[in-house]
Amino acid sequence: MPAGVLKREFNRADTTMRVLLRYTQVLLAQAAQRAICVRHHLIAQQVAVCLLQHADCSGSDEVLMTQEQIALRLGVRREGVNDGAGLLQRLGLIRYARGHVEVLDRDGLEQQACECYAVQRDEYQRLLPASSCQRCLEAVA
């Protein structure tokens, strides 16, 4: 969408402005939570959050992501993702094979995830309840 059109709609339509401001608030909250997560939580917990968010977006227990993609998203080394995903697999929470992850036990995966998952999910649902895709709005995490 051309910037001029967006700016006109932003200034003209109260609903558009509110949605864009809420979207911005979601992005800022996610960026702040991600910074906390990187500093304080284990990679396995971060991998669990990543997989849950992707499953939320797709509406499926199938996540198509390589370890490299997860590592880039989390800002960690691929070997760390390998260790974290391996732990989750040994716990019977996921099945992982060459870029294909199947969530076997969502409740268990949520228990292994740090509290960052619930914080981000709840903030997203509070600010943008009409939308169901958390991951699609995660441009900064």
N, C-alpha and C. Protein backbone atom coordinates (compact mmCIF):
# COMPACT_ATOMS: atom_id res chain seq x y z
N MET A 1 0.85 -1.17 0.00
CA MET A 1 0.00 0.00 0.00
C MET A 1 0.90 1.24 0.00
N PRO A 2 0.63 2.18 -0.86
CA PRO A 2 1.43 3.41 -0.88
C PRO A 2 1.32 4.15 0.46
N ALA A 3 2.42 4.74 0.88
CA ALA A 3 2.47 5.43 2.17
C ALA A 3 1.43 6.55 2.25
N GLY A 4 1.24 7.27 1.15
CA GLY A 4 0.26 8.36 1.16
C GLY A 4 -1.15 7.89 1.45
N VAL A 5 -1.53 6.76 0.87
CA VAL A 5 -2.86 6.19 1.12
C VAL A 5 -3.00 5.80 2.58
N LEU A 6 -1.99 5.14 3.11
CA LEU A 6 -2.02 4.73 4.50
C LEU A 6 -2.11 5.94 5.43
N LYS A 7 -1.35 6.97 5.13
CA LYS A 7 -1.37 8.18 5.96
C LYS A 7 -2.74 8.85 5.92
N ARG A 8 -3.36 8.94 4.74
CA ARG A 8 -4.70 9.52 4.63
C ARG A 8 -5.71 8.72 5.45
N GLU A 9 -5.65 7.40 5.31
CA GLU A 9 -6.58 6.54 6.05
C GLU A 9 -6.33 6.64 7.55
N PHE A 10 -5.08 6.71 7.93
CA PHE A 10 -4.73 6.84 9.34
C PHE A 10 -5.34 8.10 9.93
N ASN A 11 -5.22 9.21 9.19
CA ASN A 11 -5.75 10.49 9.67
C ASN A 11 -7.27 10.59 9.54
N ARG A 12 -7.85 9.87 8.59
CA ARG A 12 -9.29 9.97 8.32
C ARG A 12 -10.10 8.99 9.13
N ALA A 13 -9.63 7.82 9.26
CA ALA A 13 -10.44 6.74 9.83
C ALA A 13 -9.95 6.40 11.24
N ASP A 14 -10.78 6.66 12.19
CA ASP A 14 -10.45 6.39 13.59
C ASP A 14 -10.16 4.90 13.81
N THR A 15 -10.90 4.03 13.16
CA THR A 15 -10.68 2.58 13.33
C THR A 15 -9.32 2.17 12.81
N THR A 16 -8.95 2.67 11.63
CA THR A 16 -7.64 2.34 11.06
C THR A 16 -6.53 2.81 12.00
N MET A 17 -6.65 4.01 12.51
CA MET A 17 -5.64 4.55 13.41
C MET A 17 -5.53 3.68 14.66
N ARG A 18 -6.64 3.29 15.25
CA ARG A 18 -6.61 2.47 16.47
C ARG A 18 -5.95 1.12 16.20
N VAL A 19 -6.28 0.48 15.08
CA VAL A 19 -5.69 -0.82 14.76
C VAL A 19 -4.19 -0.69 14.56
N LEU A 20 -3.76 0.34 13.82
CA LEU A 20 -2.32 0.53 13.58
C LEU A 20 -1.57 0.84 14.87
N LEU A 21 -2.16 1.63 15.74
CA LEU A 21 -1.51 1.92 17.02
C LEU A 21 -1.44 0.67 17.90
N ARG A 22 -2.48 -0.14 17.89
CA ARG A 22 -2.44 -1.39 18.66
C ARG A 22 -1.41 -2.35 18.09
N TYR A 23 -1.34 -2.42 16.78
CA TYR A 23 -0.35 -3.27 16.12
C TYR A 23 1.06 -2.83 16.53
N THR A 24 1.30 -1.53 16.52
CA THR A 24 2.60 -1.00 16.93
C THR A 24 2.89 -1.34 18.38
N GLN A 25 1.89 -1.23 19.24
CA GLN A 25 2.09 -1.58 20.65
C GLN A 25 2.42 -3.06 20.80
N VAL A 26 1.77 -3.92 20.03
CA VAL A 26 2.07 -5.36 20.06
C VAL A 26 3.53 -5.59 19.67
N LEU A 27 3.98 -4.96 18.59
CA LEU A 27 5.36 -5.13 18.14
C LEU A 27 6.36 -4.67 19.19
N LEU A 28 6.10 -3.53 19.83
CA LEU A 28 7.00 -3.03 20.86
C LEU A 28 7.02 -3.95 22.07
N ALA A 29 5.86 -4.44 22.47
CA ALA A 29 5.79 -5.36 23.61
C ALA A 29 6.53 -6.66 23.29
N GLN A 30 6.38 -7.14 22.08
CA GLN A 30 7.07 -8.37 21.69
C GLN A 30 8.58 -8.17 21.64
N ALA A 31 9.03 -7.03 21.17
CA ALA A 31 10.46 -6.75 21.12
C ALA A 31 11.04 -6.70 22.54
N ALA A 32 10.33 -6.05 23.44
CA ALA A 32 10.80 -5.96 24.82
C ALA A 32 10.82 -7.35 25.47
N GLN A 33 9.78 -8.12 25.25
CA GLN A 33 9.72 -9.47 25.84
C GLN A 33 10.80 -10.36 25.26
N ARG A 34 11.07 -10.21 23.97
CA ARG A 34 12.12 -11.01 23.33
C ARG A 34 13.48 -10.69 23.93
N ALA A 35 13.74 -9.42 24.20
CA ALA A 35 15.01 -9.02 24.81
C ALA A 35 15.17 -9.66 26.19
N ILE A 36 14.10 -9.70 26.95
CA ILE A 36 14.12 -10.34 28.27
C ILE A 36 14.36 -11.84 28.11
N CYS A 37 13.68 -12.43 27.17
CA CYS A 37 13.76 -13.88 26.95
C CYS A 37 15.18 -14.31 26.60
N VAL A 38 15.82 -13.59 25.69
CA VAL A 38 17.17 -13.92 25.25
C VAL A 38 18.14 -13.88 26.43
N ARG A 39 17.93 -12.94 27.30
CA ARG A 39 18.86 -12.73 28.43
C ARG A 39 18.67 -13.75 29.55
N HIS A 40 17.43 -14.19 29.78
CA HIS A 40 17.14 -14.94 31.00
C HIS A 40 16.68 -16.38 30.81
N HIS A 41 16.39 -16.81 29.61
CA HIS A 41 15.81 -18.14 29.45
C HIS A 41 16.67 -19.06 28.60
N LEU A 42 16.54 -20.34 28.88
CA LEU A 42 17.30 -21.37 28.17
C LEU A 42 16.85 -21.47 26.72
N ILE A 43 17.75 -21.91 25.86
CA ILE A 43 17.43 -22.03 24.44
C ILE A 43 16.27 -23.00 24.23
N ALA A 44 16.22 -24.09 24.98
CA ALA A 44 15.11 -25.04 24.83
C ALA A 44 13.77 -24.36 25.10
N GLN A 45 13.74 -23.46 26.08
CA GLN A 45 12.51 -22.72 26.37
C GLN A 45 12.16 -21.79 25.20
N GLN A 46 13.18 -21.15 24.64
CA GLN A 46 12.96 -20.25 23.52
C GLN A 46 12.49 -21.00 22.28
N VAL A 47 13.05 -22.19 22.07
CA VAL A 47 12.61 -23.02 20.94
C VAL A 47 11.15 -23.40 21.12
N ALA A 48 10.77 -23.76 22.34
CA ALA A 48 9.37 -24.10 22.62
C ALA A 48 8.45 -22.92 22.30
N VAL A 49 8.84 -21.72 22.70
CA VAL A 49 8.05 -20.51 22.40
C VAL A 49 7.92 -20.34 20.89
N CYS A 50 9.02 -20.45 20.18
CA CYS A 50 9.04 -20.30 18.72
C CYS A 50 8.08 -21.29 18.06
N LEU A 51 8.15 -22.54 18.47
CA LEU A 51 7.29 -23.56 17.87
C LEU A 51 5.83 -23.32 18.19
N LEU A 52 5.53 -22.93 19.41
CA LEU A 52 4.15 -22.64 19.79
C LEU A 52 3.59 -21.47 18.98
N GLN A 53 4.40 -20.43 18.81
CA GLN A 53 3.92 -19.27 18.05
C GLN A 53 3.67 -19.64 16.59
N HIS A 54 4.54 -20.44 16.02
CA HIS A 54 4.32 -20.87 14.63
C HIS A 54 3.09 -21.77 14.53
N ALA A 55 2.89 -22.64 15.49
CA ALA A 55 1.70 -23.49 15.49
C ALA A 55 0.44 -22.64 15.63
N ASP A 56 0.50 -21.60 16.45
CA ASP A 56 -0.64 -20.69 16.61
C ASP A 56 -1.00 -20.05 15.28
N CYS A 57 0.00 -19.60 14.57
CA CYS A 57 -0.23 -18.91 13.30
C CYS A 57 -0.84 -19.83 12.26
N SER A 58 -0.29 -21.01 12.15
CA SER A 58 -0.75 -21.92 11.10
C SER A 58 -2.04 -22.63 11.48
N GLY A 59 -2.35 -22.64 12.77
CA GLY A 59 -3.52 -23.38 13.21
C GLY A 59 -3.32 -24.88 13.11
N SER A 60 -2.06 -25.30 13.10
CA SER A 60 -1.72 -26.70 12.91
C SER A 60 -0.59 -27.09 13.86
N ASP A 61 -0.52 -28.37 14.16
CA ASP A 61 0.57 -28.88 14.97
C ASP A 61 1.81 -29.18 14.14
N GLU A 62 1.77 -28.88 12.85
CA GLU A 62 2.90 -29.10 11.94
C GLU A 62 3.59 -27.75 11.72
N VAL A 63 4.89 -27.72 11.98
CA VAL A 63 5.68 -26.51 11.79
C VAL A 63 6.79 -26.84 10.81
N LEU A 64 6.83 -26.11 9.71
CA LEU A 64 7.85 -26.33 8.69
C LEU A 64 8.93 -25.27 8.85
N MET A 65 9.97 -25.62 9.62
CA MET A 65 11.11 -24.73 9.86
C MET A 65 12.35 -25.58 10.06
N THR A 66 13.43 -25.15 9.48
CA THR A 66 14.70 -25.83 9.71
C THR A 66 15.32 -25.31 11.00
N GLN A 67 16.31 -26.04 11.51
CA GLN A 67 17.03 -25.57 12.69
C GLN A 67 17.69 -24.23 12.40
N GLU A 68 18.18 -24.08 11.19
CA GLU A 68 18.82 -22.80 10.81
C GLU A 68 17.82 -21.66 10.88
N GLN A 69 16.61 -21.87 10.39
CA GLN A 69 15.58 -20.83 10.44
C GLN A 69 15.21 -20.48 11.88
N ILE A 70 15.08 -21.50 12.71
CA ILE A 70 14.78 -21.25 14.12
C ILE A 70 15.93 -20.49 14.77
N ALA A 71 17.16 -20.90 14.47
CA ALA A 71 18.34 -20.22 15.03
C ALA A 71 18.38 -18.76 14.63
N LEU A 72 18.11 -18.46 13.37
CA LEU A 72 18.09 -17.08 12.89
C LEU A 72 17.01 -16.28 13.60
N ARG A 73 15.86 -16.87 13.77
CA ARG A 73 14.74 -16.20 14.42
C ARG A 73 15.06 -15.90 15.88
N LEU A 74 15.75 -16.84 16.54
CA LEU A 74 16.07 -16.66 17.96
C LEU A 74 17.38 -15.91 18.18
N GLY A 75 18.20 -15.80 17.15
CA GLY A 75 19.48 -15.13 17.31
C GLY A 75 20.48 -15.97 18.08
N VAL A 76 20.42 -17.29 17.86
CA VAL A 76 21.34 -18.21 18.54
C VAL A 76 22.00 -19.10 17.49
N ARG A 77 22.97 -19.89 17.93
CA ARG A 77 23.64 -20.81 17.02
C ARG A 77 22.75 -22.01 16.73
N ARG A 78 22.89 -22.58 15.54
CA ARG A 78 22.09 -23.73 15.15
C ARG A 78 22.30 -24.90 16.11
N GLU A 79 23.52 -25.04 16.61
CA GLU A 79 23.81 -26.13 17.55
C GLU A 79 22.97 -26.01 18.82
N GLY A 80 22.74 -24.79 19.25
CA GLY A 80 21.88 -24.57 20.42
C GLY A 80 20.45 -25.01 20.16
N VAL A 81 19.97 -24.70 18.96
CA VAL A 81 18.62 -25.13 18.57
C VAL A 81 18.57 -26.65 18.49
N ASN A 82 19.61 -27.26 17.96
CA ASN A 82 19.69 -28.71 17.89
C ASN A 82 19.57 -29.32 19.28
N ASP A 83 20.30 -28.76 20.24
CA ASP A 83 20.24 -29.27 21.62
C ASP A 83 18.85 -29.05 22.22
N GLY A 84 18.30 -27.85 22.03
CA GLY A 84 16.98 -27.53 22.59
C GLY A 84 15.88 -28.38 21.99
N ALA A 85 15.88 -28.52 20.67
CA ALA A 85 14.87 -29.35 20.00
C ALA A 85 15.06 -30.82 20.38
N GLY A 86 16.31 -31.23 20.54
CA GLY A 86 16.58 -32.61 20.96
C GLY A 86 15.98 -32.90 22.33
N LEU A 87 16.13 -31.96 23.24
CA LEU A 87 15.54 -32.13 24.58
C LEU A 87 14.02 -32.24 24.48
N LEU A 88 13.41 -31.35 23.72
CA LEU A 88 11.94 -31.37 23.57
C LEU A 88 11.49 -32.67 22.93
N GLN A 89 12.28 -33.19 22.01
CA GLN A 89 11.94 -34.46 21.37
C GLN A 89 12.09 -35.62 22.36
N ARG A 90 13.17 -35.62 23.15
CA ARG A 90 13.36 -36.69 24.15
C ARG A 90 12.25 -36.69 25.19
N LEU A 91 11.69 -35.52 25.47
CA LEU A 91 10.58 -35.42 26.42
C LEU A 91 9.25 -35.85 25.80
N GLY A 92 9.26 -36.14 24.50
CA GLY A 92 8.06 -36.59 23.81
C GLY A 92 7.09 -35.47 23.44
N LEU A 93 7.60 -34.25 23.41
CA LEU A 93 6.74 -33.10 23.13
C LEU A 93 6.65 -32.77 21.64
N ILE A 94 7.73 -33.06 20.92
CA ILE A 94 7.77 -32.81 19.48
C ILE A 94 8.42 -34.00 18.79
N ARG A 95 8.21 -34.06 17.48
CA ARG A 95 8.95 -34.96 16.61
C ARG A 95 9.58 -34.08 15.55
N TYR A 96 10.90 -34.21 15.39
CA TYR A 96 11.62 -33.32 14.49
C TYR A 96 12.40 -34.12 13.46
N ALA A 97 12.25 -33.75 12.20
CA ALA A 97 13.03 -34.39 11.13
C ALA A 97 13.17 -33.43 9.96
N ARG A 98 14.37 -32.97 9.72
CA ARG A 98 14.74 -32.17 8.54
C ARG A 98 13.73 -31.09 8.14
N GLY A 99 13.57 -30.13 8.99
CA GLY A 99 12.72 -28.99 8.66
C GLY A 99 11.24 -29.21 8.89
N HIS A 100 10.89 -30.32 9.48
CA HIS A 100 9.48 -30.61 9.77
C HIS A 100 9.36 -30.96 11.25
N VAL A 101 8.62 -30.13 11.97
CA VAL A 101 8.41 -30.36 13.40
C VAL A 101 6.92 -30.63 13.61
N GLU A 102 6.64 -31.69 14.33
CA GLU A 102 5.26 -32.00 14.70
C GLU A 102 5.14 -31.84 16.21
N VAL A 103 4.20 -31.01 16.64
CA VAL A 103 3.93 -30.84 18.06
C VAL A 103 3.07 -32.02 18.50
N LEU A 104 3.62 -32.85 19.38
CA LEU A 104 2.92 -34.05 19.84
C LEU A 104 2.13 -33.79 21.12
N ASP A 105 2.63 -32.89 21.96
CA ASP A 105 2.00 -32.61 23.26
C ASP A 105 2.06 -31.11 23.49
N ARG A 106 1.01 -30.42 23.05
CA ARG A 106 0.99 -28.96 23.15
C ARG A 106 1.03 -28.49 24.59
N ASP A 107 0.26 -29.12 25.47
CA ASP A 107 0.27 -28.72 26.88
C ASP A 107 1.65 -28.88 27.49
N GLY A 108 2.30 -29.99 27.19
CA GLY A 108 3.65 -30.22 27.68
C GLY A 108 4.63 -29.21 27.12
N LEU A 109 4.47 -28.85 25.85
CA LEU A 109 5.35 -27.87 25.23
C LEU A 109 5.16 -26.50 25.88
N GLU A 110 3.92 -26.15 26.19
CA GLU A 110 3.64 -24.90 26.88
C GLU A 110 4.28 -24.89 28.27
N GLN A 111 4.30 -26.03 28.93
CA GLN A 111 4.94 -26.12 30.24
C GLN A 111 6.45 -25.96 30.14
N GLN A 112 7.05 -26.41 29.05
CA GLN A 112 8.49 -26.27 28.85
C GLN A 112 8.87 -24.87 28.39
N ALA A 113 7.94 -24.17 27.77
CA ALA A 113 8.22 -22.81 27.32
C ALA A 113 8.33 -21.88 28.53
N CYS A 114 9.10 -20.83 28.38
CA CYS A 114 9.16 -19.83 29.44
C CYS A 114 7.87 -19.01 29.43
N GLU A 115 7.72 -18.18 30.44
CA GLU A 115 6.49 -17.38 30.56
C GLU A 115 6.34 -16.36 29.44
N CYS A 116 7.39 -16.16 28.66
CA CYS A 116 7.33 -15.20 27.55
C CYS A 116 6.24 -15.55 26.55
N TYR A 117 6.01 -16.85 26.34
CA TYR A 117 4.96 -17.25 25.39
C TYR A 117 3.60 -16.73 25.83
N ALA A 118 3.24 -16.98 27.09
CA ALA A 118 1.93 -16.55 27.59
C ALA A 118 1.83 -15.02 27.62
N VAL A 119 2.90 -14.34 28.00
CA VAL A 119 2.89 -12.88 28.06
C VAL A 119 2.62 -12.30 26.67
N GLN A 120 3.35 -12.80 25.67
CA GLN A 120 3.17 -12.28 24.30
C GLN A 120 1.80 -12.65 23.75
N ARG A 121 1.36 -13.88 23.96
CA ARG A 121 0.05 -14.32 23.47
C ARG A 121 -1.06 -13.50 24.10
N ASP A 122 -1.00 -13.30 25.40
CA ASP A 122 -2.05 -12.55 26.10
C ASP A 122 -2.09 -11.09 25.68
N GLU A 123 -0.92 -10.49 25.50
CA GLU A 123 -0.87 -9.09 25.06
C GLU A 123 -1.43 -8.95 23.66
N TYR A 124 -1.09 -9.88 22.80
CA TYR A 124 -1.61 -9.86 21.44
C TYR A 124 -3.13 -9.99 21.44
N GLN A 125 -3.64 -10.94 22.21
CA GLN A 125 -5.09 -11.16 22.25
C GLN A 125 -5.82 -9.98 22.88
N ARG A 126 -5.19 -9.32 23.83
CA ARG A 126 -5.80 -8.16 24.47
C ARG A 126 -5.91 -7.00 23.49
N LEU A 127 -4.85 -6.78 22.71
CA LEU A 127 -4.81 -5.61 21.83
C LEU A 127 -5.44 -5.85 20.46
N LEU A 128 -5.34 -7.06 19.95
CA LEU A 128 -5.86 -7.37 18.62
C LEU A 128 -6.71 -8.64 18.66
N PRO A 129 -7.80 -8.62 19.39
CA PRO A 129 -8.59 -9.84 19.59
C PRO A 129 -9.24 -10.38 18.33
N ALA A 130 -9.44 -9.56 17.33
CA ALA A 130 -10.12 -10.02 16.12
C ALA A 130 -9.22 -10.86 15.24
N SER A 131 -7.90 -10.77 15.44
CA SER A 131 -6.95 -11.49 14.61
C SER A 131 -6.48 -12.73 15.34
N SER A 132 -6.25 -13.82 14.61
CA SER A 132 -5.85 -15.06 15.25
C SER A 132 -4.39 -15.41 15.04
N CYS A 133 -3.65 -14.59 14.34
CA CYS A 133 -2.29 -14.98 13.98
C CYS A 133 -1.25 -14.13 14.70
N GLN A 134 -0.73 -14.63 15.80
CA GLN A 134 0.30 -13.93 16.55
C GLN A 134 1.58 -13.85 15.76
N ARG A 135 2.03 -14.97 15.23
CA ARG A 135 3.32 -15.05 14.54
C ARG A 135 3.38 -14.10 13.34
N CYS A 136 2.26 -13.94 12.65
CA CYS A 136 2.28 -13.10 11.45
C CYS A 136 2.60 -11.66 11.77
N LEU A 137 2.37 -11.24 13.01
CA LEU A 137 2.66 -9.86 13.40
C LEU A 137 4.01 -9.73 14.10
N GLU A 138 4.76 -10.79 14.19
CA GLU A 138 6.02 -10.78 14.92
C GLU A 138 7.19 -10.34 14.06
N ALA A 139 7.15 -9.17 13.55
CA ALA A 139 8.22 -8.73 12.66
C ALA A 139 9.54 -8.51 13.40
N VAL A 140 9.47 -8.29 14.71
CA VAL A 140 10.69 -7.93 15.43
C VAL A 140 11.24 -9.06 16.30
N ALA A 141 10.46 -10.07 16.56
CA ALA A 141 10.93 -11.10 17.49
C ALA A 141 11.82 -12.10 16.83
